[in-house]
Each structure stands twice: as C-alpha cells, then as structure tokens.
PDB file of N, CA and C in Angstrom:
ATOM      1  N   MET A   1     -18.758  -2.444 -16.199  1.00  0.00           N
ATOM      2  CA  MET A   1     -19.653  -3.556 -16.431  1.00  0.00           C
ATOM      3  C   MET A   1     -20.785  -3.075 -17.329  1.00  0.00           C
ATOM      4  N   ASN A   2     -21.188  -3.905 -18.286  1.00  0.00           N
ATOM      5  CA  ASN A   2     -22.226  -3.466 -19.214  1.00  0.00           C
ATOM      6  C   ASN A   2     -23.619  -3.565 -18.589  1.00  0.00           C
ATOM      7  N   GLU A   3     -24.553  -2.798 -19.129  1.00  0.00           N
ATOM      8  CA  GLU A   3     -25.905  -2.683 -18.572  1.00  0.00           C
ATOM      9  C   GLU A   3     -26.651  -4.010 -18.472  1.00  0.00           C
ATOM     10  N   PRO A   4     -26.686  -4.832 -19.545  1.00  0.00           N
ATOM     11  CA  PRO A   4     -27.425  -6.101 -19.420  1.00  0.00           C
ATOM     12  C   PRO A   4     -26.884  -6.993 -18.302  1.00  0.00           C
ATOM     13  N   LEU A   5     -25.575  -7.025 -18.143  1.00  0.00           N
ATOM     14  CA  LEU A   5     -24.991  -7.841 -17.080  1.00  0.00           C
ATOM     15  C   LEU A   5     -25.349  -7.265 -15.715  1.00  0.00           C
ATOM     16  N   GLN A   6     -25.323  -5.954 -15.598  1.00  0.00           N
ATOM     17  CA  GLN A   6     -25.692  -5.310 -14.337  1.00  0.00           C
ATOM     18  C   GLN A   6     -27.135  -5.652 -13.971  1.00  0.00           C
ATOM     19  N   GLU A   7     -28.043  -5.543 -14.937  1.00  0.00           N
ATOM     20  CA  GLU A   7     -29.445  -5.873 -14.690  1.00  0.00           C
ATOM     21  C   GLU A   7     -29.595  -7.329 -14.285  1.00  0.00           C
ATOM     22  N   LEU A   8     -28.895  -8.203 -14.986  1.00  0.00           N
ATOM     23  CA  LEU A   8     -28.965  -9.627 -14.694  1.00  0.00           C
ATOM     24  C   LEU A   8     -28.515  -9.909 -13.263  1.00  0.00           C
ATOM     25  N   LEU A   9     -27.400  -9.321 -12.871  1.00  0.00           N
ATOM     26  CA  LEU A   9     -26.879  -9.570 -11.530  1.00  0.00           C
ATOM     27  C   LEU A   9     -27.777  -9.016 -10.436  1.00  0.00           C
ATOM     28  N   THR A  10     -28.290  -7.817 -10.621  1.00  0.00           N
ATOM     29  CA  THR A  10     -29.100  -7.208  -9.567  1.00  0.00           C
ATOM     30  C   THR A  10     -30.519  -7.761  -9.533  1.00  0.00           C
ATOM     31  N   GLU A  11     -31.027  -8.262 -10.656  1.00  0.00           N
ATOM     32  CA  GLU A  11     -32.372  -8.836 -10.672  1.00  0.00           C
ATOM     33  C   GLU A  11     -32.382 -10.276 -10.182  1.00  0.00           C
ATOM     34  N   HIS A  12     -31.385 -11.046 -10.566  1.00  0.00           N
ATOM     35  CA  HIS A  12     -31.395 -12.469 -10.254  1.00  0.00           C
ATOM     36  C   HIS A  12     -30.631 -12.814  -8.984  1.00  0.00           C
ATOM     37  N   ILE A  13     -29.855 -11.893  -8.487  1.00  0.00           N
ATOM     38  CA  ILE A  13     -29.189 -12.078  -7.204  1.00  0.00           C
ATOM     39  C   ILE A  13     -29.659 -10.925  -6.324  1.00  0.00           C
ATOM     40  N   PRO A  14     -30.657 -11.181  -5.497  1.00  0.00           N
ATOM     41  CA  PRO A  14     -31.214 -10.083  -4.700  1.00  0.00           C
ATOM     42  C   PRO A  14     -30.186  -9.504  -3.731  1.00  0.00           C
ATOM     43  N   ILE A  15     -30.334  -8.227  -3.472  1.00  0.00           N
ATOM     44  CA  ILE A  15     -29.468  -7.556  -2.502  1.00  0.00           C
ATOM     45  C   ILE A  15     -30.059  -7.812  -1.125  1.00  0.00           C
ATOM     46  N   GLN A  16     -29.235  -8.373  -0.244  1.00  0.00           N
ATOM     47  CA  GLN A  16     -29.684  -8.686   1.108  1.00  0.00           C
ATOM     48  C   GLN A  16     -28.876  -7.872   2.110  1.00  0.00           C
ATOM     49  N   TYR A  17     -29.486  -7.635   3.266  1.00  0.00           N
ATOM     50  CA  TYR A  17     -28.858  -6.813   4.290  1.00  0.00           C
ATOM     51  C   TYR A  17     -28.863  -7.524   5.636  1.00  0.00           C
ATOM     52  N   TYR A  18     -27.832  -7.266   6.434  1.00  0.00           N
ATOM     53  CA  TYR A  18     -27.805  -7.744   7.811  1.00  0.00           C
ATOM     54  C   TYR A  18     -28.750  -6.882   8.641  1.00  0.00           C
ATOM     55  N   ASP A  19     -29.020  -7.306   9.863  1.00  0.00           N
ATOM     56  CA  ASP A  19     -29.903  -6.552  10.755  1.00  0.00           C
ATOM     57  C   ASP A  19     -29.379  -5.145  11.046  1.00  0.00           C
ATOM     58  N   ASN A  20     -28.060  -4.971  10.991  1.00  0.00           N
ATOM     59  CA  ASN A  20     -27.489  -3.647  11.269  1.00  0.00           C
ATOM     60  C   ASN A  20     -27.528  -2.720  10.050  1.00  0.00           C
ATOM     61  N   GLY A  21     -28.062  -3.211   8.922  1.00  0.00           N
ATOM     62  CA  GLY A  21     -28.208  -2.391   7.722  1.00  0.00           C
ATOM     63  C   GLY A  21     -27.093  -2.544   6.712  1.00  0.00           C
ATOM     64  N   TRP A  22     -26.048  -3.276   7.049  1.00  0.00           N
ATOM     65  CA  TRP A  22     -24.947  -3.484   6.113  1.00  0.00           C
ATOM     66  C   TRP A  22     -25.352  -4.457   5.017  1.00  0.00           C
ATOM     67  N   MET A  23     -24.894  -4.190   3.817  1.00  0.00           N
ATOM     68  CA  MET A  23     -25.176  -5.067   2.686  1.00  0.00           C
ATOM     69  C   MET A  23     -24.360  -6.352   2.809  1.00  0.00           C
ATOM     70  N   MET A  24     -25.020  -7.470   2.548  1.00  0.00           N
ATOM     71  CA  MET A  24     -24.307  -8.746   2.498  1.00  0.00           C
ATOM     72  C   MET A  24     -23.540  -8.819   1.185  1.00  0.00           C
ATOM     73  N   TYR A  25     -22.639  -9.779   1.094  1.00  0.00           N
ATOM     74  CA  TYR A  25     -21.845  -9.933  -0.128  1.00  0.00           C
ATOM     75  C   TYR A  25     -22.752 -10.020  -1.354  1.00  0.00           C
ATOM     76  N   HIS A  26     -22.411  -9.249  -2.364  1.00  0.00           N
ATOM     77  CA  HIS A  26     -23.095  -9.285  -3.659  1.00  0.00           C
ATOM     78  C   HIS A  26     -22.015  -9.152  -4.728  1.00  0.00           C
ATOM     79  N   PRO A  27     -21.960 -10.069  -5.704  1.00  0.00           N
ATOM     80  CA  PRO A  27     -20.870 -10.055  -6.687  1.00  0.00           C
ATOM     81  C   PRO A  27     -20.773  -8.770  -7.505  1.00  0.00           C
ATOM     82  N   TYR A  28     -21.871  -8.086  -7.727  1.00  0.00           N
ATOM     83  CA  TYR A  28     -21.829  -6.850  -8.510  1.00  0.00           C
ATOM     84  C   TYR A  28     -21.183  -5.711  -7.718  1.00  0.00           C
ATOM     85  N   PHE A  29     -21.537  -5.596  -6.451  1.00  0.00           N
ATOM     86  CA  PHE A  29     -21.056  -4.487  -5.629  1.00  0.00           C
ATOM     87  C   PHE A  29     -19.721  -4.778  -4.943  1.00  0.00           C
ATOM     88  N   HIS A  30     -19.361  -6.047  -4.840  1.00  0.00           N
ATOM     89  CA  HIS A  30     -18.147  -6.434  -4.113  1.00  0.00           C
ATOM     90  C   HIS A  30     -17.238  -7.328  -4.963  1.00  0.00           C
ATOM     91  N   PRO A  31     -16.758  -6.818  -6.090  1.00  0.00           N
ATOM     92  CA  PRO A  31     -15.932  -7.646  -6.987  1.00  0.00           C
ATOM     93  C   PRO A  31     -14.556  -7.994  -6.414  1.00  0.00           C
ATOM     94  N   ASN A  32     -14.115  -7.296  -5.381  1.00  0.00           N
ATOM     95  CA  ASN A  32     -12.791  -7.560  -4.805  1.00  0.00           C
ATOM     96  C   ASN A  32     -12.838  -8.454  -3.573  1.00  0.00           C
ATOM     97  N   HIS A  33     -14.012  -9.003  -3.297  1.00  0.00           N
ATOM     98  CA  HIS A  33     -14.166  -9.901  -2.151  1.00  0.00           C
ATOM     99  C   HIS A  33     -13.204 -11.079  -2.274  1.00  0.00           C
ATOM    100  N   MET A  34     -12.521 -11.385  -1.192  1.00  0.00           N
ATOM    101  CA  MET A  34     -11.564 -12.500  -1.098  1.00  0.00           C
ATOM    102  C   MET A  34     -10.246 -12.228  -1.824  1.00  0.00           C
ATOM    103  N   LYS A  35     -10.060 -11.032  -2.336  1.00  0.00           N
ATOM    104  CA  LYS A  35      -8.779 -10.667  -2.940  1.00  0.00           C
ATOM    105  C   LYS A  35      -7.913 -10.000  -1.877  1.00  0.00           C
ATOM    106  N   LYS A  36      -6.619 -10.093  -2.056  1.00  0.00           N
ATOM    107  CA  LYS A  36      -5.680  -9.494  -1.119  1.00  0.00           C
ATOM    108  C   LYS A  36      -5.785  -7.967  -1.184  1.00  0.00           C
ATOM    109  N   TYR A  37      -5.706  -7.329  -0.024  1.00  0.00           N
ATOM    110  CA  TYR A  37      -5.683  -5.868   0.035  1.00  0.00           C
ATOM    111  C   TYR A  37      -4.317  -5.375  -0.431  1.00  0.00           C
ATOM    112  N   SER A  38      -4.306  -4.419  -1.338  1.00  0.00           N
ATOM    113  CA  SER A  38      -3.045  -3.815  -1.782  1.00  0.00           C
ATOM    114  C   SER A  38      -2.636  -2.734  -0.779  1.00  0.00           C
ATOM    115  N   ASP A  39      -1.410  -2.259  -0.892  1.00  0.00           N
ATOM    116  CA  ASP A  39      -0.973  -1.139  -0.051  1.00  0.00           C
ATOM    117  C   ASP A  39      -1.833   0.090  -0.309  1.00  0.00           C
ATOM    118  N   SER A  40      -2.205   0.290  -1.561  1.00  0.00           N
ATOM    119  CA  SER A  40      -3.068   1.415  -1.921  1.00  0.00           C
ATOM    120  C   SER A  40      -4.433   1.283  -1.242  1.00  0.00           C
ATOM    121  N   ASP A  41      -4.987   0.071  -1.232  1.00  0.00           N
ATOM    122  CA  ASP A  41      -6.270  -0.174  -0.559  1.00  0.00           C
ATOM    123  C   ASP A  41      -6.166   0.141   0.931  1.00  0.00           C
ATOM    124  N   CYS A  42      -5.099  -0.340   1.556  1.00  0.00           N
ATOM    125  CA  CYS A  42      -4.911  -0.122   2.997  1.00  0.00           C
ATOM    126  C   CYS A  42      -4.738   1.355   3.319  1.00  0.00           C
ATOM    127  N   GLU A  43      -3.977   2.038   2.489  1.00  0.00           N
ATOM    128  CA  GLU A  43      -3.773   3.471   2.711  1.00  0.00           C
ATOM    129  C   GLU A  43      -5.095   4.225   2.569  1.00  0.00           C
ATOM    130  N   TYR A  44      -5.835   3.945   1.504  1.00  0.00           N
ATOM    131  CA  TYR A  44      -7.129   4.600   1.286  1.00  0.00           C
ATOM    132  C   TYR A  44      -8.078   4.313   2.450  1.00  0.00           C
ATOM    133  N   LEU A  45      -8.128   3.055   2.856  1.00  0.00           N
ATOM    134  CA  LEU A  45      -9.006   2.641   3.941  1.00  0.00           C
ATOM    135  C   LEU A  45      -8.690   3.391   5.233  1.00  0.00           C
ATOM    136  N   CYS A  46      -7.435   3.452   5.590  1.00  0.00           N
ATOM    137  CA  CYS A  46      -7.044   4.100   6.845  1.00  0.00           C
ATOM    138  C   CYS A  46      -7.204   5.620   6.797  1.00  0.00           C
ATOM    139  N   LYS A  47      -6.990   6.216   5.649  1.00  0.00           N
ATOM    140  CA  LYS A  47      -7.130   7.672   5.515  1.00  0.00           C
ATOM    141  C   LYS A  47      -8.588   8.128   5.582  1.00  0.00           C
ATOM    142  N   TYR A  48      -9.488   7.360   4.988  1.00  0.00           N
ATOM    143  CA  TYR A  48     -10.859   7.843   4.810  1.00  0.00           C
ATOM    144  C   TYR A  48     -11.923   7.070   5.577  1.00  0.00           C
ATOM    145  N   TYR A  49     -11.541   6.036   6.305  1.00  0.00           N
ATOM    146  CA  TYR A  49     -12.506   5.225   7.055  1.00  0.00           C
ATOM    147  C   TYR A  49     -13.291   6.065   8.059  1.00  0.00           C
ATOM    148  N   GLU A  50     -12.604   6.902   8.800  1.00  0.00           N
ATOM    149  CA  GLU A  50     -13.266   7.718   9.824  1.00  0.00           C
ATOM    150  C   GLU A  50     -14.145   8.802   9.210  1.00  0.00           C
ATOM    151  N   ILE A  51     -13.885   9.178   7.987  1.00  0.00           N
ATOM    152  CA  ILE A  51     -14.670  10.207   7.298  1.00  0.00           C
ATOM    153  C   ILE A  51     -15.879   9.590   6.600  1.00  0.00           C
ATOM    154  N   ASP A  52     -15.639   8.530   5.830  1.00  0.00           N
ATOM    155  CA  ASP A  52     -16.683   7.946   4.988  1.00  0.00           C
ATOM    156  C   ASP A  52     -17.494   6.851   5.664  1.00  0.00           C
ATOM    157  N   GLY A  53     -16.933   6.147   6.607  1.00  0.00           N
ATOM    158  CA  GLY A  53     -17.649   5.075   7.281  1.00  0.00           C
ATOM    159  C   GLY A  53     -17.593   3.756   6.519  1.00  0.00           C
ATOM    160  N   VAL A  54     -18.172   2.751   7.126  1.00  0.00           N
ATOM    161  CA  VAL A  54     -18.091   1.381   6.614  1.00  0.00           C
ATOM    162  C   VAL A  54     -18.777   1.213   5.263  1.00  0.00           C
ATOM    163  N   GLU A  55     -19.990   1.735   5.119  1.00  0.00           N
ATOM    164  CA  GLU A  55     -20.758   1.490   3.897  1.00  0.00           C
ATOM    165  C   GLU A  55     -20.089   2.086   2.662  1.00  0.00           C
ATOM    166  N   LEU A  56     -19.635   3.333   2.755  1.00  0.00           N
ATOM    167  CA  LEU A  56     -18.974   3.956   1.603  1.00  0.00           C
ATOM    168  C   LEU A  56     -17.630   3.297   1.305  1.00  0.00           C
ATOM    169  N   MET A  57     -16.888   2.926   2.347  1.00  0.00           N
ATOM    170  CA  MET A  57     -15.617   2.220   2.140  1.00  0.00           C
ATOM    171  C   MET A  57     -15.862   0.896   1.431  1.00  0.00           C
ATOM    172  N   SER A  58     -16.933   0.234   1.818  1.00  0.00           N
ATOM    173  CA  SER A  58     -17.291  -1.043   1.211  1.00  0.00           C
ATOM    174  C   SER A  58     -17.497  -0.901  -0.293  1.00  0.00           C
ATOM    175  N   LEU A  59     -18.238   0.098  -0.686  1.00  0.00           N
ATOM    176  CA  LEU A  59     -18.505   0.312  -2.114  1.00  0.00           C
ATOM    177  C   LEU A  59     -17.278   0.851  -2.842  1.00  0.00           C
ATOM    178  N   ALA A  60     -16.513   1.713  -2.182  1.00  0.00           N
ATOM    179  CA  ALA A  60     -15.323   2.286  -2.819  1.00  0.00           C
ATOM    180  C   ALA A  60     -14.266   1.225  -3.102  1.00  0.00           C
ATOM    181  N   LEU A  61     -14.112   0.272  -2.182  1.00  0.00           N
ATOM    182  CA  LEU A  61     -13.091  -0.759  -2.343  1.00  0.00           C
ATOM    183  C   LEU A  61     -13.643  -2.062  -2.921  1.00  0.00           C
ATOM    184  N   GLY A  62     -14.956  -2.118  -3.126  1.00  0.00           N
ATOM    185  CA  GLY A  62     -15.553  -3.314  -3.724  1.00  0.00           C
ATOM    186  C   GLY A  62     -15.478  -4.534  -2.830  1.00  0.00           C
ATOM    187  N   ARG A  63     -15.686  -4.310  -1.524  1.00  0.00           N
ATOM    188  CA  ARG A  63     -15.606  -5.398  -0.552  1.00  0.00           C
ATOM    189  C   ARG A  63     -16.790  -5.300   0.412  1.00  0.00           C
ATOM    190  N   PRO A  64     -17.244  -6.429   0.936  1.00  0.00           N
ATOM    191  CA  PRO A  64     -18.356  -6.379   1.894  1.00  0.00           C
ATOM    192  C   PRO A  64     -17.972  -5.597   3.155  1.00  0.00           C
ATOM    193  N   PRO A  65     -18.958  -4.974   3.805  1.00  0.00           N
ATOM    194  CA  PRO A  65     -18.671  -4.199   5.017  1.00  0.00           C
ATOM    195  C   PRO A  65     -17.946  -4.992   6.104  1.00  0.00           C
ATOM    196  N   LYS A  66     -18.311  -6.259   6.273  1.00  0.00           N
ATOM    197  CA  LYS A  66     -17.644  -7.068   7.302  1.00  0.00           C
ATOM    198  C   LYS A  66     -16.152  -7.198   7.020  1.00  0.00           C
ATOM    199  N   SER A  67     -15.798  -7.299   5.759  1.00  0.00           N
ATOM    200  CA  SER A  67     -14.390  -7.383   5.371  1.00  0.00           C
ATOM    201  C   SER A  67     -13.656  -6.093   5.735  1.00  0.00           C
ATOM    202  N   ILE A  68     -14.315  -4.965   5.536  1.00  0.00           N
ATOM    203  CA  ILE A  68     -13.730  -3.660   5.867  1.00  0.00           C
ATOM    204  C   ILE A  68     -13.466  -3.568   7.369  1.00  0.00           C
ATOM    205  N   VAL A  69     -14.461  -3.927   8.167  1.00  0.00           N
ATOM    206  CA  VAL A  69     -14.331  -3.859   9.624  1.00  0.00           C
ATOM    207  C   VAL A  69     -13.238  -4.810  10.109  1.00  0.00           C
ATOM    208  N   GLN A  70     -13.190  -6.000   9.544  1.00  0.00           N
ATOM    209  CA  GLN A  70     -12.151  -6.962   9.931  1.00  0.00           C
ATOM    210  C   GLN A  70     -10.759  -6.443   9.590  1.00  0.00           C
ATOM    211  N   LYS A  71     -10.612  -5.840   8.421  1.00  0.00           N
ATOM    212  CA  LYS A  71      -9.305  -5.323   8.012  1.00  0.00           C
ATOM    213  C   LYS A  71      -8.862  -4.183   8.926  1.00  0.00           C
ATOM    214  N   ILE A  72      -9.778  -3.284   9.264  1.00  0.00           N
ATOM    215  CA  ILE A  72      -9.463  -2.192  10.189  1.00  0.00           C
ATOM    216  C   ILE A  72      -9.000  -2.770  11.525  1.00  0.00           C
ATOM    217  N   HIS A  73      -9.708  -3.766  12.020  1.00  0.00           N
ATOM    218  CA  HIS A  73      -9.351  -4.395  13.292  1.00  0.00           C
ATOM    219  C   HIS A  73      -7.946  -4.995  13.230  1.00  0.00           C
ATOM    220  N   ILE A  74      -7.647  -5.707  12.156  1.00  0.00           N
ATOM    221  CA  ILE A  74      -6.328  -6.335  11.989  1.00  0.00           C
ATOM    222  C   ILE A  74      -5.224  -5.280  11.901  1.00  0.00           C
ATOM    223  N   LEU A  75      -5.469  -4.217  11.131  1.00  0.00           N
ATOM    224  CA  LEU A  75      -4.464  -3.158  10.996  1.00  0.00           C
ATOM    225  C   LEU A  75      -4.192  -2.474  12.337  1.00  0.00           C
ATOM    226  N   LYS A  76      -5.248  -2.210  13.099  1.00  0.00           N
ATOM    227  CA  LYS A  76      -5.066  -1.576  14.411  1.00  0.00           C
ATOM    228  C   LYS A  76      -4.357  -2.524  15.378  1.00  0.00           C
ATOM    229  N   LYS A  77      -4.736  -3.789  15.348  1.00  0.00           N
ATOM    230  CA  LYS A  77      -4.129  -4.789  16.229  1.00  0.00           C
ATOM    231  C   LYS A  77      -2.628  -4.921  15.963  1.00  0.00           C
ATOM    232  N   ASN A  78      -2.234  -4.819  14.703  1.00  0.00           N
ATOM    233  CA  ASN A  78      -0.827  -4.946  14.317  1.00  0.00           C
ATOM    234  C   ASN A  78      -0.095  -3.605  14.248  1.00  0.00           C
ATOM    235  N   ASN A  79      -0.735  -2.564  14.789  1.00  0.00           N
ATOM    236  CA  ASN A  79      -0.146  -1.212  14.817  1.00  0.00           C
ATOM    237  C   ASN A  79       0.229  -0.697  13.428  1.00  0.00           C
ATOM    238  N   LEU A  80      -0.574  -1.020  12.435  1.00  0.00           N
ATOM    239  CA  LEU A  80      -0.326  -0.556  11.068  1.00  0.00           C
ATOM    240  C   LEU A  80      -1.322   0.506  10.615  1.00  0.00           C
ATOM    241  N   TYR A  81      -2.371   0.728  11.407  1.00  0.00           N
ATOM    242  CA  TYR A  81      -3.408   1.683  11.021  1.00  0.00           C
ATOM    243  C   TYR A  81      -2.823   3.085  10.827  1.00  0.00           C
ATOM    244  N   GLU A  82      -2.099   3.581  11.801  1.00  0.00           N
ATOM    245  CA  GLU A  82      -1.511   4.926  11.709  1.00  0.00           C
ATOM    246  C   GLU A  82      -0.439   4.989  10.625  1.00  0.00           C
ATOM    247  N   HIS A  83       0.290   3.895  10.453  1.00  0.00           N
ATOM    248  CA  HIS A  83       1.307   3.845   9.393  1.00  0.00           C
ATOM    249  C   HIS A  83       0.662   4.109   8.037  1.00  0.00           C
ATOM    250  N   TYR A  84      -0.395   3.357   7.716  1.00  0.00           N
ATOM    251  CA  TYR A  84      -1.056   3.533   6.420  1.00  0.00           C
ATOM    252  C   TYR A  84      -1.779   4.879   6.333  1.00  0.00           C
ATOM    253  N   LYS A  85      -2.325   5.330   7.446  1.00  0.00           N
ATOM    254  CA  LYS A  85      -3.040   6.610   7.456  1.00  0.00           C
ATOM    255  C   LYS A  85      -2.110   7.770   7.103  1.00  0.00           C
ATOM    256  N   ASN A  86      -0.850   7.677   7.507  1.00  0.00           N
ATOM    257  CA  ASN A  86       0.120   8.748   7.276  1.00  0.00           C
ATOM    258  C   ASN A  86       1.078   8.471   6.126  1.00  0.00           C
ATOM    259  N   LEU A  87       0.843   7.432   5.355  1.00  0.00           N
ATOM    260  CA  LEU A  87       1.788   6.998   4.332  1.00  0.00           C
ATOM    261  C   LEU A  87       1.973   8.019   3.202  1.00  0.00           C
ATOM    262  N   ASN A  88       0.903   8.543   2.647  1.00  0.00           N
ATOM    263  CA  ASN A  88       0.945   9.531   1.552  1.00  0.00           C
ATOM    264  C   ASN A  88       1.708   9.048   0.318  1.00  0.00           C
ATOM    265  N   LYS A  89       1.660   7.766   0.052  1.00  0.00           N
ATOM    266  CA  LYS A  89       2.312   7.217  -1.137  1.00  0.00           C
ATOM    267  C   LYS A  89       1.343   7.164  -2.316  1.00  0.00           C
ATOM    268  N   HIS A  90       0.135   6.708  -2.060  1.00  0.00           N
ATOM    269  CA  HIS A  90      -0.858   6.557  -3.122  1.00  0.00           C
ATOM    270  C   HIS A  90      -1.970   7.609  -3.042  1.00  0.00           C
ATOM    271  N   TRP A  91      -2.255   8.086  -1.839  1.00  0.00           N
ATOM    272  CA  TRP A  91      -3.352   9.032  -1.607  1.00  0.00           C
ATOM    273  C   TRP A  91      -2.849  10.183  -0.749  1.00  0.00           C
ATOM    274  N   LEU A  92      -3.282  11.390  -1.082  1.00  0.00           N
ATOM    275  CA  LEU A  92      -2.877  12.563  -0.291  1.00  0.00           C
ATOM    276  C   LEU A  92      -3.957  12.998   0.647  1.00  0.00           C
TER     277      LEU A  92
END
C-alpha cells in the first residue's frame, strides 16, 4: 500500500480498541476481513497461534482478533486444529 493511502486510512479512520486491548476492525490492518480462510491460513494459524498469540496472528493474517479467536474455536470444535497444526504442506 502506498504512503499517502496509508496516512489517509490511519488519520481519517481512527484505530479503536476493545476493553481487552484487542484492535477493532480497521481496513488498513485487516484487509482479509470477511474473506474465506485458505488452507495455508489455517495451517499457519494452528502452527503459530500458541507461540504468537491473538494480536500477532491478527496482523499476520490481516484479520481482526475476534475473527482469529472464532476460527480457532471452530477448528478445535470440528477436530481440525491438530490436523492443520501437523499438516506441513504450506508451513514447516
């Protein structure tokens, strides 16, 4: 993204945070919001979530923190978390 656009987005769309400190949706930082998670995204998320935490995963995948937490919950509920964590197809 070019500098003038970055300045425009961050100056005219303030960055807001939830009470727990997580950043709310911001178009500059979360360009993948509402997009489908790819297999690569799921693998990366499951491999590094426990190491990097919600905030870094949010910025790495370009999605709001709540989206990250919801996806982790869904993957664990459907018994896919360990599958993606051990996949080694896109990330080692």
